[in-house]
């Protein structure tokens, strides 16, 4: 099945070095320079608009993940449990080391 889409022509100015690098990438990939430019623009547009948006995106990801591992105790309780386990394990290792 043929899927058509409309592209709009846009003219840009590139310096000689940019044009050469685009040409080299296009040749290496076996595509046109226009495709290389479109992919670069798409990658740029897919990223965060600015630092505030990136921070908001990360905060949202944390909020979305909150409670995902329900078997873990909450905050300080979890830290205390881990520290207690570490202390117990250290004591056990020292006892083994001294009895050797």
PDB file of N, CA and C in Angstrom:
ATOM      1  N   UNK A   1       0.840  -1.175   0.000  1.00  0.00           N
ATOM      2  CA  UNK A   1       0.000   0.000   0.000  1.00  0.00           C
ATOM      3  C   UNK A   1       0.886   1.238   0.000  1.00  0.00           C
ATOM      4  N   UNK A   2       0.492   2.226  -0.731  1.00  0.00           N
ATOM      5  CA  UNK A   2       1.253   3.462  -0.836  1.00  0.00           C
ATOM      6  C   UNK A   2       0.730   4.474   0.170  1.00  0.00           C
ATOM      7  N   UNK A   3       1.620   4.971   1.013  1.00  0.00           N
ATOM      8  CA  UNK A   3       1.244   5.993   1.985  1.00  0.00           C
ATOM      9  C   UNK A   3       1.876   7.306   1.539  1.00  0.00           C
ATOM     10  N   UNK A   4       1.057   8.265   1.280  1.00  0.00           N
ATOM     11  CA  UNK A   4       1.604   9.554   0.849  1.00  0.00           C
ATOM     12  C   UNK A   4       1.593  10.528   2.010  1.00  0.00           C
ATOM     13  N   UNK A   5       2.499  11.445   1.966  1.00  0.00           N
ATOM     14  CA  UNK A   5       2.543  12.494   2.955  1.00  0.00           C
ATOM     15  C   UNK A   5       3.105  13.739   2.278  1.00  0.00           C
ATOM     16  N   UNK A   6       2.820  14.848   2.849  1.00  0.00           N
ATOM     17  CA  UNK A   6       3.223  16.109   2.251  1.00  0.00           C
ATOM     18  C   UNK A   6       4.422  16.659   2.998  1.00  0.00           C
ATOM     19  N   UNK A   7       5.418  17.050   2.246  1.00  0.00           N
ATOM     20  CA  UNK A   7       6.580  17.716   2.819  1.00  0.00           C
ATOM     21  C   UNK A   7       6.598  19.135   2.288  1.00  0.00           C
ATOM     22  N   UNK A   8       7.053  20.009   3.113  1.00  0.00           N
ATOM     23  CA  UNK A   8       7.187  21.404   2.696  1.00  0.00           C
ATOM     24  C   UNK A   8       8.649  21.695   2.464  1.00  0.00           C
ATOM     25  N   UNK A   9       8.913  22.371   1.410  1.00  0.00           N
ATOM     26  CA  UNK A   9      10.283  22.734   1.070  1.00  0.00           C
ATOM     27  C   UNK A   9      10.732  23.886   1.973  1.00  0.00           C
ATOM     28  N   UNK A  10      11.911  23.732   2.521  1.00  0.00           N
ATOM     29  CA  UNK A  10      12.511  24.764   3.362  1.00  0.00           C
ATOM     30  C   UNK A  10      13.941  24.970   2.907  1.00  0.00           C
ATOM     31  N   UNK A  11      14.318  26.190   2.791  1.00  0.00           N
ATOM     32  CA  UNK A  11      15.674  26.494   2.356  1.00  0.00           C
ATOM     33  C   UNK A  11      16.487  26.957   3.558  1.00  0.00           C
ATOM     34  N   UNK A  12      17.695  26.382   3.707  1.00  0.00           N
ATOM     35  CA  UNK A  12      18.577  26.786   4.798  1.00  0.00           C
ATOM     36  C   UNK A  12      19.959  27.074   4.236  1.00  0.00           C
ATOM     37  N   UNK A  13      20.733  27.795   4.998  1.00  0.00           N
ATOM     38  CA  UNK A  13      22.109  28.092   4.618  1.00  0.00           C
ATOM     39  C   UNK A  13      23.043  27.294   5.515  1.00  0.00           C
ATOM     40  N   UNK A  14      23.978  26.583   4.895  1.00  0.00           N
ATOM     41  CA  UNK A  14      24.975  25.813   5.623  1.00  0.00           C
ATOM     42  C   UNK A  14      26.353  26.312   5.227  1.00  0.00           C
ATOM     43  N   UNK A  15      27.281  26.282   6.188  1.00  0.00           N
ATOM     44  CA  UNK A  15      28.648  26.625   5.783  1.00  0.00           C
ATOM     45  C   UNK A  15      29.264  25.410   5.079  1.00  0.00           C
ATOM     46  N   UNK A  16      30.402  25.582   4.487  1.00  0.00           N
ATOM     47  CA  UNK A  16      31.035  24.531   3.692  1.00  0.00           C
ATOM     48  C   UNK A  16      31.274  23.258   4.503  1.00  0.00           C
ATOM     49  N   UNK A  17      31.748  23.423   5.737  1.00  0.00           N
ATOM     50  CA  UNK A  17      32.030  22.270   6.593  1.00  0.00           C
ATOM     51  C   UNK A  17      30.760  21.482   6.904  1.00  0.00           C
ATOM     52  N   UNK A  18      29.684  22.187   7.220  1.00  0.00           N
ATOM     53  CA  UNK A  18      28.422  21.507   7.508  1.00  0.00           C
ATOM     54  C   UNK A  18      27.939  20.730   6.289  1.00  0.00           C
ATOM     55  N   UNK A  19      28.013  21.358   5.131  1.00  0.00           N
ATOM     56  CA  UNK A  19      27.558  20.702   3.902  1.00  0.00           C
ATOM     57  C   UNK A  19      28.383  19.444   3.619  1.00  0.00           C
ATOM     58  N   UNK A  20      29.682  19.527   3.819  1.00  0.00           N
ATOM     59  CA  UNK A  20      30.540  18.364   3.582  1.00  0.00           C
ATOM     60  C   UNK A  20      30.225  17.235   4.550  1.00  0.00           C
ATOM     61  N   UNK A  21      30.031  17.579   5.821  1.00  0.00           N
ATOM     62  CA  UNK A  21      29.736  16.541   6.815  1.00  0.00           C
ATOM     63  C   UNK A  21      28.396  15.874   6.545  1.00  0.00           C
ATOM     64  N   UNK A  22      27.415  16.657   6.116  1.00  0.00           N
ATOM     65  CA  UNK A  22      26.108  16.084   5.765  1.00  0.00           C
ATOM     66  C   UNK A  22      26.260  15.157   4.565  1.00  0.00           C
ATOM     67  N   UNK A  23      27.012  15.603   3.572  1.00  0.00           N
ATOM     68  CA  UNK A  23      27.238  14.781   2.381  1.00  0.00           C
ATOM     69  C   UNK A  23      27.915  13.467   2.741  1.00  0.00           C
ATOM     70  N   UNK A  24      28.941  13.526   3.597  1.00  0.00           N
ATOM     71  CA  UNK A  24      29.643  12.306   4.011  1.00  0.00           C
ATOM     72  C   UNK A  24      28.720  11.356   4.774  1.00  0.00           C
ATOM     73  N   UNK A  25      27.927  11.897   5.672  1.00  0.00           N
ATOM     74  CA  UNK A  25      26.994  11.038   6.424  1.00  0.00           C
ATOM     75  C   UNK A  25      25.957  10.420   5.498  1.00  0.00           C
ATOM     76  N   UNK A  26      25.457  11.209   4.572  1.00  0.00           N
ATOM     77  CA  UNK A  26      24.454  10.709   3.636  1.00  0.00           C
ATOM     78  C   UNK A  26      25.027   9.594   2.773  1.00  0.00           C
ATOM     79  N   UNK A  27      26.225   9.793   2.261  1.00  0.00           N
ATOM     80  CA  UNK A  27      26.859   8.761   1.434  1.00  0.00           C
ATOM     81  C   UNK A  27      27.112   7.494   2.240  1.00  0.00           C
ATOM     82  N   UNK A  28      27.578   7.653   3.465  1.00  0.00           N
ATOM     83  CA  UNK A  28      27.858   6.490   4.312  1.00  0.00           C
ATOM     84  C   UNK A  28      26.584   5.704   4.617  1.00  0.00           C
ATOM     85  N   UNK A  29      25.478   6.418   4.767  1.00  0.00           N
ATOM     86  CA  UNK A  29      24.208   5.767   5.104  1.00  0.00           C
ATOM     87  C   UNK A  29      23.419   5.358   3.865  1.00  0.00           C
ATOM     88  N   UNK A  30      23.850   5.821   2.707  1.00  0.00           N
ATOM     89  CA  UNK A  30      23.134   5.497   1.474  1.00  0.00           C
ATOM     90  C   UNK A  30      21.804   6.209   1.349  1.00  0.00           C
ATOM     91  N   UNK A  31      21.736   7.426   1.883  1.00  0.00           N
ATOM     92  CA  UNK A  31      20.514   8.224   1.814  1.00  0.00           C
ATOM     93  C   UNK A  31      20.852   9.603   1.267  1.00  0.00           C
ATOM     94  N   UNK A  32      19.845  10.420   1.118  1.00  0.00           N
ATOM     95  CA  UNK A  32      20.074  11.780   0.635  1.00  0.00           C
ATOM     96  C   UNK A  32      20.479  12.702   1.778  1.00  0.00           C
ATOM     97  N   UNK A  33      21.088  13.814   1.409  1.00  0.00           N
ATOM     98  CA  UNK A  33      21.422  14.831   2.403  1.00  0.00           C
ATOM     99  C   UNK A  33      20.170  15.376   3.073  1.00  0.00           C
ATOM    100  N   UNK A  34      19.097  15.474   2.305  1.00  0.00           N
ATOM    101  CA  UNK A  34      17.830  15.957   2.863  1.00  0.00           C
ATOM    102  C   UNK A  34      17.336  15.042   3.974  1.00  0.00           C
ATOM    103  N   UNK A  35      17.494  13.736   3.770  1.00  0.00           N
ATOM    104  CA  UNK A  35      17.060  12.791   4.802  1.00  0.00           C
ATOM    105  C   UNK A  35      17.913  12.941   6.059  1.00  0.00           C
ATOM    106  N   UNK A  36      19.210  13.134   5.897  1.00  0.00           N
ATOM    107  CA  UNK A  36      20.087  13.343   7.049  1.00  0.00           C
ATOM    108  C   UNK A  36      19.630  14.578   7.828  1.00  0.00           C
ATOM    109  N   UNK A  37      19.324  15.637   7.114  1.00  0.00           N
ATOM    110  CA  UNK A  37      18.882  16.876   7.762  1.00  0.00           C
ATOM    111  C   UNK A  37      17.544  16.667   8.454  1.00  0.00           C
ATOM    112  N   UNK A  38      16.591  15.981   7.797  1.00  0.00           N
ATOM    113  CA  UNK A  38      15.284  15.726   8.420  1.00  0.00           C
ATOM    114  C   UNK A  38      15.444  14.912   9.700  1.00  0.00           C
ATOM    115  N   UNK A  39      16.319  13.890   9.661  1.00  0.00           N
ATOM    116  CA  UNK A  39      16.540  13.071  10.858  1.00  0.00           C
ATOM    117  C   UNK A  39      17.168  13.890  11.986  1.00  0.00           C
ATOM    118  N   UNK A  40      18.090  14.784  11.633  1.00  0.00           N
ATOM    119  CA  UNK A  40      18.718  15.638  12.646  1.00  0.00           C
ATOM    120  C   UNK A  40      17.692  16.584  13.264  1.00  0.00           C
ATOM    121  N   UNK A  41      16.822  17.143  12.438  1.00  0.00           N
ATOM    122  CA  UNK A  41      15.783  18.048  12.937  1.00  0.00           C
ATOM    123  C   UNK A  41      14.826  17.273  13.841  1.00  0.00           C
ATOM    124  N   UNK A  42      14.447  16.070  13.437  1.00  0.00           N
ATOM    125  CA  UNK A  42      13.534  15.255  14.248  1.00  0.00           C
ATOM    126  C   UNK A  42      14.153  14.911  15.597  1.00  0.00           C
ATOM    127  N   UNK A  43      15.433  14.548  15.592  1.00  0.00           N
ATOM    128  CA  UNK A  43      16.116  14.235  16.853  1.00  0.00           C
ATOM    129  C   UNK A  43      16.162  15.460  17.759  1.00  0.00           C
ATOM    130  N   UNK A  44      16.407  16.607  17.184  1.00  0.00           N
ATOM    131  CA  UNK A  44      16.443  17.848  17.961  1.00  0.00           C
ATOM    132  C   UNK A  44      15.059  18.161  18.547  1.00  0.00           C
ATOM    133  N   UNK A  45      14.034  18.032  17.731  1.00  0.00           N
ATOM    134  CA  UNK A  45      12.686  18.354  18.186  1.00  0.00           C
ATOM    135  C   UNK A  45      12.153  17.348  19.193  1.00  0.00           C
ATOM    136  N   UNK A  46      12.667  16.137  19.197  1.00  0.00           N
ATOM    137  CA  UNK A  46      12.217  15.117  20.144  1.00  0.00           C
ATOM    138  C   UNK A  46      12.784  15.368  21.537  1.00  0.00           C
ATOM    139  N   UNK A  47      13.843  16.160  21.638  1.00  0.00           N
ATOM    140  CA  UNK A  47      14.469  16.448  22.919  1.00  0.00           C
ATOM    141  C   UNK A  47      13.714  17.511  23.691  1.00  0.00           C
ATOM    142  N   UNK A  48      14.169  17.769  24.899  1.00  0.00           N
ATOM    143  CA  UNK A  48      13.508  18.790  25.714  1.00  0.00           C
ATOM    144  C   UNK A  48      13.693  20.175  25.112  1.00  0.00           C
ATOM    145  N   UNK A  49      12.683  21.015  25.312  1.00  0.00           N
ATOM    146  CA  UNK A  49      12.735  22.365  24.773  1.00  0.00           C
ATOM    147  C   UNK A  49      13.739  23.215  25.554  1.00  0.00           C
ATOM    148  N   UNK A  50      13.764  23.044  26.851  1.00  0.00           N
ATOM    149  CA  UNK A  50      14.712  23.801  27.669  1.00  0.00           C
ATOM    150  C   UNK A  50      14.903  23.083  29.007  1.00  0.00           C
ATOM    151  N   UNK A  51      15.717  23.653  29.857  1.00  0.00           N
ATOM    152  CA  UNK A  51      16.007  23.021  31.146  1.00  0.00           C
ATOM    153  C   UNK A  51      14.754  22.860  32.008  1.00  0.00           C
ATOM    154  N   UNK A  52      13.874  23.858  31.977  1.00  0.00           N
ATOM    155  CA  UNK A  52      12.648  23.768  32.783  1.00  0.00           C
ATOM    156  C   UNK A  52      11.767  22.616  32.317  1.00  0.00           C
ATOM    157  N   UNK A  53      11.664  22.437  30.998  1.00  0.00           N
ATOM    158  CA  UNK A  53      10.860  21.330  30.476  1.00  0.00           C
ATOM    159  C   UNK A  53      11.501  19.991  30.814  1.00  0.00           C
ATOM    160  N   UNK A  54      12.825  19.901  30.744  1.00  0.00           N
ATOM    161  CA  UNK A  54      13.511  18.658  31.080  1.00  0.00           C
ATOM    162  C   UNK A  54      13.303  18.324  32.548  1.00  0.00           C
ATOM    163  N   UNK A  55      13.407  19.327  33.413  1.00  0.00           N
ATOM    164  CA  UNK A  55      13.172  19.105  34.841  1.00  0.00           C
ATOM    165  C   UNK A  55      11.742  18.633  35.081  1.00  0.00           C
ATOM    166  N   UNK A  56      10.785  19.259  34.423  1.00  0.00           N
ATOM    167  CA  UNK A  56       9.386  18.855  34.564  1.00  0.00           C
ATOM    168  C   UNK A  56       9.184  17.427  34.063  1.00  0.00           C
ATOM    169  N   UNK A  57       9.841  17.059  32.959  1.00  0.00           N
ATOM    170  CA  UNK A  57       9.733  15.711  32.410  1.00  0.00           C
ATOM    171  C   UNK A  57      10.291  14.688  33.399  1.00  0.00           C
ATOM    172  N   UNK A  58      11.436  14.996  34.000  1.00  0.00           N
ATOM    173  CA  UNK A  58      12.038  14.073  34.966  1.00  0.00           C
ATOM    174  C   UNK A  58      11.186  13.951  36.226  1.00  0.00           C
ATOM    175  N   UNK A  59      10.655  15.070  36.695  1.00  0.00           N
ATOM    176  CA  UNK A  59       9.791  15.021  37.878  1.00  0.00           C
ATOM    177  C   UNK A  59       8.541  14.194  37.607  1.00  0.00           C
ATOM    178  N   UNK A  60       8.001  14.318  36.408  1.00  0.00           N
ATOM    179  CA  UNK A  60       6.816  13.540  36.050  1.00  0.00           C
ATOM    180  C   UNK A  60       7.147  12.054  36.002  1.00  0.00           C
ATOM    181  N   UNK A  61       8.313  11.718  35.479  1.00  0.00           N
ATOM    182  CA  UNK A  61       8.735  10.312  35.426  1.00  0.00           C
ATOM    183  C   UNK A  61       8.857   9.736  36.838  1.00  0.00           C
ATOM    184  N   UNK A  62       9.406  10.525  37.755  1.00  0.00           N
ATOM    185  CA  UNK A  62       9.526  10.082  39.155  1.00  0.00           C
ATOM    186  C   UNK A  62       8.146   9.915  39.771  1.00  0.00           C
ATOM    187  N   UNK A  63       7.263  10.869  39.515  1.00  0.00           N
ATOM    188  CA  UNK A  63       5.906  10.781  40.054  1.00  0.00           C
ATOM    189  C   UNK A  63       5.183   9.553  39.499  1.00  0.00           C
ATOM    190  N   UNK A  64       5.376   9.277  38.206  1.00  0.00           N
ATOM    191  CA  UNK A  64       4.737   8.117  37.584  1.00  0.00           C
ATOM    192  C   UNK A  64       5.263   6.807  38.170  1.00  0.00           C
ATOM    193  N   UNK A  65       6.551   6.795  38.536  1.00  0.00           N
ATOM    194  CA  UNK A  65       7.162   5.568  39.060  1.00  0.00           C
ATOM    195  C   UNK A  65       6.907   5.377  40.548  1.00  0.00           C
ATOM    196  N   UNK A  66       6.444   6.414  41.241  1.00  0.00           N
ATOM    197  CA  UNK A  66       6.236   6.337  42.675  1.00  0.00           C
ATOM    198  C   UNK A  66       5.277   5.199  43.012  1.00  0.00           C
ATOM    199  N   UNK A  67       5.692   4.343  43.919  1.00  0.00           N
ATOM    200  CA  UNK A  67       4.853   3.227  44.344  1.00  0.00           C
ATOM    201  C   UNK A  67       4.906   2.029  43.413  1.00  0.00           C
ATOM    202  N   UNK A  68       5.752   2.071  42.394  1.00  0.00           N
ATOM    203  CA  UNK A  68       5.816   0.968  41.428  1.00  0.00           C
ATOM    204  C   UNK A  68       6.309  -0.319  42.082  1.00  0.00           C
ATOM    205  N   UNK A  69       7.157  -0.206  43.091  1.00  0.00           N
ATOM    206  CA  UNK A  69       7.655  -1.384  43.804  1.00  0.00           C
ATOM    207  C   UNK A  69       7.038  -1.330  45.202  1.00  0.00           C
ATOM    208  N   UNK A  70       5.839  -1.831  45.296  1.00  0.00           N
ATOM    209  CA  UNK A  70       5.071  -1.691  46.540  1.00  0.00           C
ATOM    210  C   UNK A  70       5.616  -2.527  47.696  1.00  0.00           C
ATOM    211  N   UNK A  71       6.473  -3.500  47.419  1.00  0.00           N
ATOM    212  CA  UNK A  71       6.995  -4.352  48.489  1.00  0.00           C
ATOM    213  C   UNK A  71       8.066  -3.653  49.316  1.00  0.00           C
ATOM    214  N   UNK A  72       8.559  -2.504  48.885  1.00  0.00           N
ATOM    215  CA  UNK A  72       9.587  -1.790  49.639  1.00  0.00           C
ATOM    216  C   UNK A  72       8.950  -0.941  50.726  1.00  0.00           C
ATOM    217  N   UNK A  73       9.585  -0.885  51.894  1.00  0.00           N
ATOM    218  CA  UNK A  73       9.073   0.010  52.936  1.00  0.00           C
ATOM    219  C   UNK A  73       9.244   1.474  52.498  1.00  0.00           C
ATOM    220  N   UNK A  74       8.584   2.354  53.168  1.00  0.00           N
ATOM    221  CA  UNK A  74       8.620   3.770  52.822  1.00  0.00           C
ATOM    222  C   UNK A  74       9.905   4.426  53.316  1.00  0.00           C
ATOM    223  N   UNK A  75      10.506   5.289  52.499  1.00  0.00           N
ATOM    224  CA  UNK A  75      11.626   6.167  52.796  1.00  0.00           C
ATOM    225  C   UNK A  75      12.588   5.784  53.884  1.00  0.00           C
ATOM    226  N   UNK A  76      12.513   6.490  55.027  1.00  0.00           N
ATOM    227  CA  UNK A  76      13.458   6.322  56.132  1.00  0.00           C
ATOM    228  C   UNK A  76      13.420   4.895  56.689  1.00  0.00           C
ATOM    229  N   UNK A  77      12.250   4.262  56.686  1.00  0.00           N
ATOM    230  CA  UNK A  77      12.148   2.878  57.163  1.00  0.00           C
ATOM    231  C   UNK A  77      13.006   1.958  56.297  1.00  0.00           C
ATOM    232  N   UNK A  78      12.958   2.179  54.988  1.00  0.00           N
ATOM    233  CA  UNK A  78      13.747   1.373  54.056  1.00  0.00           C
ATOM    234  C   UNK A  78      15.241   1.567  54.304  1.00  0.00           C
ATOM    235  N   UNK A  79      15.653   2.817  54.478  1.00  0.00           N
ATOM    236  CA  UNK A  79      17.072   3.112  54.717  1.00  0.00           C
ATOM    237  C   UNK A  79      17.530   2.438  55.998  1.00  0.00           C
ATOM    238  N   UNK A  80      16.755   2.544  57.044  1.00  0.00           N
ATOM    239  CA  UNK A  80      17.118   1.903  58.317  1.00  0.00           C
ATOM    240  C   UNK A  80      17.203   0.384  58.178  1.00  0.00           C
ATOM    241  N   UNK A  81      16.296  -0.204  57.430  1.00  0.00           N
ATOM    242  CA  UNK A  81      16.318  -1.651  57.220  1.00  0.00           C
ATOM    243  C   UNK A  81      17.593  -2.067  56.481  1.00  0.00           C
ATOM    244  N   UNK A  82      17.966  -1.316  55.457  1.00  0.00           N
ATOM    245  CA  UNK A  82      19.182  -1.629  54.702  1.00  0.00           C
ATOM    246  C   UNK A  82      20.410  -1.473  55.592  1.00  0.00           C
ATOM    247  N   UNK A  83      20.473  -0.377  56.349  1.00  0.00           N
ATOM    248  CA  UNK A  83      21.617  -0.157  57.243  1.00  0.00           C
ATOM    249  C   UNK A  83      21.723  -1.263  58.294  1.00  0.00           C
ATOM    250  N   UNK A  84      20.598  -1.685  58.835  1.00  0.00           N
ATOM    251  CA  UNK A  84      20.588  -2.734  59.838  1.00  0.00           C
ATOM    252  C   UNK A  84      21.091  -4.051  59.244  1.00  0.00           C
ATOM    253  N   UNK A  85      20.639  -4.356  58.045  1.00  0.00           N
ATOM    254  CA  UNK A  85      21.094  -5.575  57.360  1.00  0.00           C
ATOM    255  C   UNK A  85      22.591  -5.519  57.099  1.00  0.00           C
ATOM    256  N   UNK A  86      23.082  -4.352  56.674  1.00  0.00           N
ATOM    257  CA  UNK A  86      24.520  -4.196  56.431  1.00  0.00           C
ATOM    258  C   UNK A  86      25.313  -4.388  57.725  1.00  0.00           C
ATOM    259  N   UNK A  87      24.831  -3.813  58.817  1.00  0.00           N
ATOM    260  CA  UNK A  87      25.537  -3.935  60.103  1.00  0.00           C
ATOM    261  C   UNK A  87      25.556  -5.384  60.567  1.00  0.00           C
ATOM    262  N   UNK A  88      24.428  -6.061  60.408  1.00  0.00           N
ATOM    263  CA  UNK A  88      24.359  -7.473  60.797  1.00  0.00           C
ATOM    264  C   UNK A  88      25.328  -8.297  59.959  1.00  0.00           C
ATOM    265  N   UNK A  89      25.361  -8.063  58.675  1.00  0.00           N
ATOM    266  CA  UNK A  89      26.256  -8.806  57.780  1.00  0.00           C
ATOM    267  C   UNK A  89      27.713  -8.508  58.124  1.00  0.00           C
ATOM    268  N   UNK A  90      28.047  -7.268  58.427  1.00  0.00           N
ATOM    269  CA  UNK A  90      29.417  -6.909  58.808  1.00  0.00           C
ATOM    270  C   UNK A  90      29.816  -7.643  60.080  1.00  0.00           C
ATOM    271  N   UNK A  91      28.918  -7.690  61.065  1.00  0.00           N
ATOM    272  CA  UNK A  91      29.192  -8.415  62.309  1.00  0.00           C
ATOM    273  C   UNK A  91      29.436  -9.900  62.041  1.00  0.00           C
ATOM    274  N   UNK A  92      28.616 -10.480  61.190  1.00  0.00           N
ATOM    275  CA  UNK A  92      28.781 -11.897  60.847  1.00  0.00           C
ATOM    276  C   UNK A  92      30.125 -12.152  60.177  1.00  0.00           C
ATOM    277  N   UNK A  93      30.526 -11.294  59.271  1.00  0.00           N
ATOM    278  CA  UNK A  93      31.809 -11.453  58.579  1.00  0.00           C
ATOM    279  C   UNK A  93      32.985 -11.301  59.541  1.00  0.00           C
ATOM    280  N   UNK A  94      32.896 -10.338  60.440  1.00  0.00           N
ATOM    281  CA  UNK A  94      33.962 -10.159  61.432  1.00  0.00           C
ATOM    282  C   UNK A  94      34.077 -11.377  62.339  1.00  0.00           C
ATOM    283  N   UNK A  95      32.948 -11.945  62.754  1.00  0.00           N
ATOM    284  CA  UNK A  95      32.953 -13.133  63.600  1.00  0.00           C
ATOM    285  C   UNK A  95      33.611 -14.300  62.849  1.00  0.00           C
ATOM    286  N   UNK A  96      33.265 -14.484  61.588  1.00  0.00           N
ATOM    287  CA  UNK A  96      33.881 -15.544  60.782  1.00  0.00           C
ATOM    288  C   UNK A  96      35.381 -15.315  60.627  1.00  0.00           C
ATOM    289  N   UNK A  97      35.778 -14.067  60.397  1.00  0.00           N
ATOM    290  CA  UNK A  97      37.176 -13.738  60.181  1.00  0.00           C
ATOM    291  C   UNK A  97      38.000 -14.019  61.454  1.00  0.00           C
ATOM    292  N   UNK A  98      37.437 -13.665  62.609  1.00  0.00           N
ATOM    293  CA  UNK A  98      38.148 -13.871  63.885  1.00  0.00           C
ATOM    294  C   UNK A  98      38.266 -15.338  64.243  1.00  0.00           C
ATOM    295  N   UNK A  99      37.260 -16.144  63.842  1.00  0.00           N
ATOM    296  CA  UNK A  99      37.305 -17.571  64.185  1.00  0.00           C
ATOM    297  C   UNK A  99      38.166 -18.367  63.220  1.00  0.00           C
ATOM    298  N   UNK A 100      38.612 -17.748  62.158  1.00  0.00           N
ATOM    299  CA  UNK A 100      39.455 -18.462  61.189  1.00  0.00           C
ATOM    300  C   UNK A 100      40.882 -18.561  61.617  1.00  0.00           C
TER     301      UNK A 100
END
